[in-house]
């Protein structure tokens, strides 16, 4: 008895691993740590979120909350809040070569982190 594998099934097994890999985890692959505000404004939301997650973890207060919760997802609301703060501060502004890290530090201080 001859079994035929459908082309759709083959494509499913070939494509799905790449889609999952390309998606990655929300906190991975942030590249804006030393970017300028102009670069931040052009970046994808995913890149901003992953970078903000790294920056938020630099706060001992946030790092302790994440560690105590046992879940990296505890970090997500803080990263989202930091992205919003940086976006708001950077909206329509010409900061020249001002680095995102500087604005992020001001945001974190103003939020009491």
N, C-alpha and C. Protein backbone atom coordinates (compact mmCIF):
# COMPACT_ATOMS: atom_id res chain seq x y z
N UNK A 1 0.84 -1.17 0.00
CA UNK A 1 0.00 0.00 0.00
C UNK A 1 0.90 1.24 0.00
N UNK A 2 0.66 2.09 -0.92
CA UNK A 2 1.48 3.28 -1.09
C UNK A 2 0.84 4.45 -0.36
N UNK A 3 1.63 5.12 0.48
CA UNK A 3 1.14 6.29 1.22
C UNK A 3 1.64 7.55 0.54
N UNK A 4 0.76 8.48 0.39
CA UNK A 4 1.13 9.74 -0.24
C UNK A 4 1.05 10.84 0.82
N UNK A 5 2.12 11.59 0.92
CA UNK A 5 2.16 12.72 1.86
C UNK A 5 1.79 13.97 1.08
N UNK A 6 0.84 14.67 1.59
CA UNK A 6 0.37 15.86 0.87
C UNK A 6 1.44 16.95 0.89
N UNK A 7 1.51 17.73 -0.20
CA UNK A 7 2.46 18.85 -0.23
C UNK A 7 2.22 19.86 0.88
N UNK A 8 0.95 20.04 1.26
CA UNK A 8 0.64 20.98 2.34
C UNK A 8 1.26 20.51 3.65
N UNK A 9 1.21 19.20 3.91
CA UNK A 9 1.78 18.66 5.14
C UNK A 9 3.30 18.83 5.16
N UNK A 10 3.92 18.61 4.02
CA UNK A 10 5.37 18.79 3.92
C UNK A 10 5.73 20.25 4.19
N UNK A 11 5.00 21.17 3.58
CA UNK A 11 5.26 22.59 3.79
C UNK A 11 5.07 22.97 5.25
N UNK A 12 4.07 22.39 5.88
CA UNK A 12 3.81 22.66 7.30
C UNK A 12 5.05 22.35 8.13
N UNK A 13 5.62 21.17 7.92
CA UNK A 13 6.77 20.76 8.73
C UNK A 13 8.06 21.49 8.33
N UNK A 14 8.12 21.99 7.13
CA UNK A 14 9.31 22.74 6.71
C UNK A 14 9.26 24.21 7.13
N UNK A 15 8.08 24.80 7.11
CA UNK A 15 7.95 26.23 7.34
C UNK A 15 7.74 26.58 8.80
N UNK A 16 6.94 25.82 9.52
CA UNK A 16 6.58 26.16 10.90
C UNK A 16 7.80 26.34 11.81
N UNK A 17 8.80 25.47 11.77
CA UNK A 17 9.95 25.72 12.66
C UNK A 17 10.63 27.06 12.41
N UNK A 18 10.68 27.51 11.15
CA UNK A 18 11.31 28.79 10.86
C UNK A 18 10.46 29.96 11.34
N UNK A 19 9.15 29.82 11.24
CA UNK A 19 8.25 30.87 11.70
C UNK A 19 8.36 31.01 13.21
N UNK A 20 8.37 29.91 13.92
CA UNK A 20 8.49 29.94 15.38
C UNK A 20 9.85 30.52 15.77
N UNK A 21 10.91 30.09 15.11
CA UNK A 21 12.24 30.58 15.42
C UNK A 21 12.34 32.07 15.14
N UNK A 22 11.80 32.50 13.99
CA UNK A 22 11.89 33.91 13.62
C UNK A 22 11.14 34.79 14.61
N UNK A 23 10.05 34.25 15.17
CA UNK A 23 9.27 35.01 16.13
C UNK A 23 10.04 35.22 17.42
N UNK A 24 10.71 34.20 17.87
CA UNK A 24 11.51 34.28 19.08
C UNK A 24 10.71 34.66 20.30
N UNK A 25 11.41 34.95 21.36
CA UNK A 25 10.78 35.39 22.60
C UNK A 25 10.76 36.91 22.61
N UNK A 26 9.75 37.46 23.24
CA UNK A 26 9.54 38.92 23.21
C UNK A 26 10.71 39.70 23.78
N UNK A 27 11.50 39.09 24.65
CA UNK A 27 12.58 39.81 25.33
C UNK A 27 13.95 39.56 24.70
N UNK A 28 13.99 38.84 23.60
CA UNK A 28 15.27 38.54 22.93
C UNK A 28 15.56 39.49 21.77
N UNK A 29 16.83 39.67 21.52
CA UNK A 29 17.33 40.35 20.32
C UNK A 29 17.10 41.85 20.26
N UNK A 30 17.03 42.51 21.39
CA UNK A 30 16.99 43.97 21.38
C UNK A 30 18.36 44.51 20.99
N UNK A 31 18.38 45.46 20.09
CA UNK A 31 19.67 45.97 19.58
C UNK A 31 19.83 47.47 19.75
N UNK A 32 18.99 48.08 20.57
CA UNK A 32 18.97 49.55 20.64
C UNK A 32 19.63 50.11 21.89
N UNK A 33 20.42 49.33 22.58
CA UNK A 33 21.01 49.74 23.85
C UNK A 33 21.86 51.01 23.74
N UNK A 34 22.57 51.14 22.66
CA UNK A 34 23.40 52.34 22.48
C UNK A 34 22.96 53.12 21.24
N UNK A 35 21.70 52.95 20.87
CA UNK A 35 21.15 53.64 19.70
C UNK A 35 20.84 55.10 20.01
N UNK A 36 20.75 55.88 18.97
CA UNK A 36 20.31 57.27 19.11
C UNK A 36 18.78 57.29 19.15
N UNK A 37 18.24 58.42 19.55
CA UNK A 37 16.78 58.58 19.56
C UNK A 37 16.23 58.43 18.14
N UNK A 38 16.94 58.94 17.16
CA UNK A 38 16.50 58.80 15.76
C UNK A 38 16.40 57.33 15.37
N UNK A 39 17.39 56.53 15.78
CA UNK A 39 17.35 55.09 15.49
C UNK A 39 16.19 54.42 16.24
N UNK A 40 15.97 54.83 17.48
CA UNK A 40 14.84 54.30 18.26
C UNK A 40 13.52 54.58 17.53
N UNK A 41 13.37 55.79 17.05
CA UNK A 41 12.12 56.17 16.38
C UNK A 41 11.87 55.36 15.11
N UNK A 42 12.92 54.85 14.49
CA UNK A 42 12.78 54.05 13.26
C UNK A 42 12.66 52.55 13.54
N UNK A 43 12.90 52.13 14.77
CA UNK A 43 12.95 50.70 15.11
C UNK A 43 11.57 50.07 15.20
N UNK A 44 11.54 48.75 15.11
CA UNK A 44 10.29 48.02 15.27
C UNK A 44 9.91 48.00 16.74
N UNK A 45 8.62 47.78 16.99
CA UNK A 45 8.16 47.69 18.38
C UNK A 45 8.81 46.51 19.09
N UNK A 46 8.98 45.40 18.39
CA UNK A 46 9.59 44.21 18.99
C UNK A 46 11.02 44.51 19.46
N UNK A 47 11.77 45.23 18.66
CA UNK A 47 13.14 45.59 19.02
C UNK A 47 13.14 46.54 20.22
N UNK A 48 12.22 47.51 20.22
CA UNK A 48 12.10 48.43 21.34
C UNK A 48 11.76 47.67 22.62
N UNK A 49 10.81 46.74 22.54
CA UNK A 49 10.37 45.99 23.72
C UNK A 49 11.50 45.13 24.29
N UNK A 50 12.22 44.45 23.42
CA UNK A 50 13.33 43.60 23.88
C UNK A 50 14.44 44.44 24.50
N UNK A 51 14.73 45.59 23.90
CA UNK A 51 15.75 46.48 24.46
C UNK A 51 15.30 47.04 25.80
N UNK A 52 14.03 47.46 25.87
CA UNK A 52 13.50 48.01 27.12
C UNK A 52 13.50 46.95 28.23
N UNK A 53 13.29 45.70 27.87
CA UNK A 53 13.34 44.62 28.86
C UNK A 53 14.74 44.54 29.49
N UNK A 54 15.75 44.60 28.66
CA UNK A 54 17.14 44.60 29.17
C UNK A 54 17.39 45.80 30.07
N UNK A 55 16.93 46.94 29.63
CA UNK A 55 17.15 48.17 30.40
C UNK A 55 16.41 48.12 31.74
N UNK A 56 15.18 47.62 31.72
CA UNK A 56 14.41 47.53 32.97
C UNK A 56 15.08 46.59 33.96
N UNK A 57 15.70 45.53 33.46
CA UNK A 57 16.40 44.60 34.36
C UNK A 57 17.64 45.20 35.01
N UNK A 58 18.07 46.35 34.52
CA UNK A 58 19.21 47.01 35.16
C UNK A 58 18.80 47.65 36.49
N UNK A 59 17.50 47.75 36.72
CA UNK A 59 16.99 48.28 37.98
C UNK A 59 16.93 47.15 39.01
N UNK A 60 17.63 47.30 40.13
CA UNK A 60 17.58 46.25 41.17
C UNK A 60 16.15 45.95 41.63
N UNK A 61 15.32 46.98 41.69
CA UNK A 61 13.93 46.81 42.12
C UNK A 61 13.17 45.90 41.16
N UNK A 62 13.31 46.13 39.87
CA UNK A 62 12.61 45.34 38.85
C UNK A 62 13.20 43.93 38.80
N UNK A 63 14.52 43.86 38.85
CA UNK A 63 15.19 42.55 38.80
C UNK A 63 14.72 41.67 39.96
N UNK A 64 14.58 42.24 41.15
CA UNK A 64 14.12 41.49 42.32
C UNK A 64 12.69 41.01 42.12
N UNK A 65 11.82 41.88 41.59
CA UNK A 65 10.42 41.48 41.34
C UNK A 65 10.35 40.31 40.38
N UNK A 66 11.13 40.37 39.32
CA UNK A 66 11.13 39.29 38.32
C UNK A 66 11.66 38.00 38.94
N UNK A 67 12.75 38.12 39.67
CA UNK A 67 13.35 36.95 40.30
C UNK A 67 12.39 36.31 41.30
N UNK A 68 11.76 37.13 42.13
CA UNK A 68 10.83 36.61 43.14
C UNK A 68 9.58 35.99 42.52
N UNK A 69 9.18 36.47 41.37
CA UNK A 69 7.98 35.92 40.72
C UNK A 69 8.26 34.57 40.07
N UNK A 70 9.51 34.36 39.69
CA UNK A 70 9.87 33.12 39.01
C UNK A 70 9.47 33.09 37.54
N UNK A 71 9.04 34.23 37.01
CA UNK A 71 8.61 34.28 35.61
C UNK A 71 9.13 35.53 34.93
N UNK A 72 9.75 35.33 33.79
CA UNK A 72 10.25 36.47 33.01
C UNK A 72 9.10 37.35 32.52
N UNK A 73 7.91 36.78 32.44
CA UNK A 73 6.76 37.56 31.98
C UNK A 73 6.37 38.67 32.96
N UNK A 74 6.86 38.60 34.19
CA UNK A 74 6.66 39.70 35.15
C UNK A 74 7.33 40.97 34.64
N UNK A 75 8.35 40.80 33.83
CA UNK A 75 9.11 41.93 33.29
C UNK A 75 8.35 42.68 32.19
N UNK A 76 7.48 42.00 31.49
CA UNK A 76 6.83 42.57 30.30
C UNK A 76 6.11 43.90 30.56
N UNK A 77 5.27 44.02 31.61
CA UNK A 77 4.61 45.32 31.84
C UNK A 77 5.59 46.47 32.07
N UNK A 78 6.71 46.17 32.70
CA UNK A 78 7.72 47.21 32.93
C UNK A 78 8.37 47.62 31.61
N UNK A 79 8.65 46.63 30.76
CA UNK A 79 9.24 46.92 29.46
C UNK A 79 8.28 47.74 28.61
N UNK A 80 7.00 47.38 28.64
CA UNK A 80 5.99 48.12 27.88
C UNK A 80 5.91 49.56 28.38
N UNK A 81 5.93 49.74 29.68
CA UNK A 81 5.87 51.08 30.27
C UNK A 81 7.09 51.91 29.87
N UNK A 82 8.25 51.26 29.85
CA UNK A 82 9.47 51.97 29.49
C UNK A 82 9.45 52.35 28.01
N UNK A 83 8.99 51.46 27.15
CA UNK A 83 8.86 51.80 25.73
C UNK A 83 7.94 53.01 25.56
N UNK A 84 6.82 53.00 26.26
CA UNK A 84 5.88 54.12 26.17
C UNK A 84 6.51 55.43 26.61
N UNK A 85 7.25 55.38 27.70
CA UNK A 85 7.90 56.59 28.20
C UNK A 85 8.93 57.12 27.21
N UNK A 86 9.76 56.22 26.68
CA UNK A 86 10.78 56.65 25.72
C UNK A 86 10.11 57.19 24.46
N UNK A 87 9.09 56.48 23.98
CA UNK A 87 8.38 56.93 22.78
C UNK A 87 7.77 58.32 22.99
N UNK A 88 7.17 58.51 24.14
CA UNK A 88 6.55 59.81 24.44
C UNK A 88 7.60 60.92 24.49
N UNK A 89 8.70 60.64 25.14
CA UNK A 89 9.78 61.64 25.25
C UNK A 89 10.40 61.93 23.90
N UNK A 90 10.46 60.92 23.03
CA UNK A 90 11.15 61.06 21.75
C UNK A 90 10.24 61.52 20.61
N UNK A 91 8.95 61.53 20.85
CA UNK A 91 8.00 61.85 19.77
C UNK A 91 8.23 63.25 19.21
N UNK A 92 8.54 63.30 17.94
CA UNK A 92 8.69 64.59 17.25
C UNK A 92 9.85 65.43 17.73
N UNK A 93 10.73 64.86 18.49
CA UNK A 93 11.86 65.62 19.02
C UNK A 93 13.12 65.39 18.20
N UNK A 94 13.94 66.39 18.10
CA UNK A 94 15.23 66.25 17.44
C UNK A 94 16.30 66.29 18.53
N UNK A 95 16.71 65.13 18.95
CA UNK A 95 17.70 65.02 20.01
C UNK A 95 19.12 64.89 19.47
N UNK A 96 19.27 64.95 18.17
CA UNK A 96 20.60 64.81 17.60
C UNK A 96 21.16 63.43 17.89
N UNK A 97 22.26 63.41 18.60
CA UNK A 97 22.92 62.15 18.92
C UNK A 97 22.60 61.63 20.32
N UNK A 98 21.56 62.15 20.94
CA UNK A 98 21.18 61.69 22.28
C UNK A 98 20.90 60.20 22.22
N UNK A 99 21.46 59.47 23.17
CA UNK A 99 21.27 58.02 23.18
C UNK A 99 20.00 57.63 23.92
N UNK A 100 19.42 56.55 23.46
CA UNK A 100 18.22 56.00 24.09
C UNK A 100 18.47 55.70 25.56
N UNK A 101 19.65 55.22 25.87
CA UNK A 101 19.97 54.87 27.25
C UNK A 101 19.82 56.06 28.19
N UNK A 102 20.15 57.25 27.71
CA UNK A 102 20.00 58.45 28.54
C UNK A 102 18.53 58.74 28.82
N UNK A 103 17.72 58.65 27.80
CA UNK A 103 16.29 58.90 27.96
C UNK A 103 15.67 57.80 28.82
N UNK A 104 16.09 56.56 28.61
CA UNK A 104 15.58 55.44 29.41
C UNK A 104 15.91 55.64 30.89
N UNK A 105 17.11 56.10 31.18
CA UNK A 105 17.51 56.33 32.57
C UNK A 105 16.62 57.40 33.22
N UNK A 106 16.34 58.46 32.48
CA UNK A 106 15.46 59.52 33.00
C UNK A 106 14.05 58.96 33.24
N UNK A 107 13.57 58.16 32.29
CA UNK A 107 12.25 57.54 32.44
C UNK A 107 12.21 56.65 33.68
N UNK A 108 13.22 55.83 33.85
CA UNK A 108 13.25 54.90 34.98
C UNK A 108 13.30 55.65 36.31
N UNK A 109 14.05 56.73 36.36
CA UNK A 109 14.11 57.54 37.58
C UNK A 109 12.75 58.18 37.86
N UNK A 110 12.13 58.72 36.82
CA UNK A 110 10.84 59.38 36.99
C UNK A 110 9.74 58.39 37.39
N UNK A 111 9.91 57.11 37.03
CA UNK A 111 8.93 56.09 37.41
C UNK A 111 9.25 55.43 38.74
N UNK A 112 10.34 55.87 39.34
CA UNK A 112 10.71 55.36 40.66
C UNK A 112 11.31 53.97 40.67
N UNK A 113 11.94 53.61 39.55
CA UNK A 113 12.57 52.29 39.48
C UNK A 113 13.96 52.34 40.04
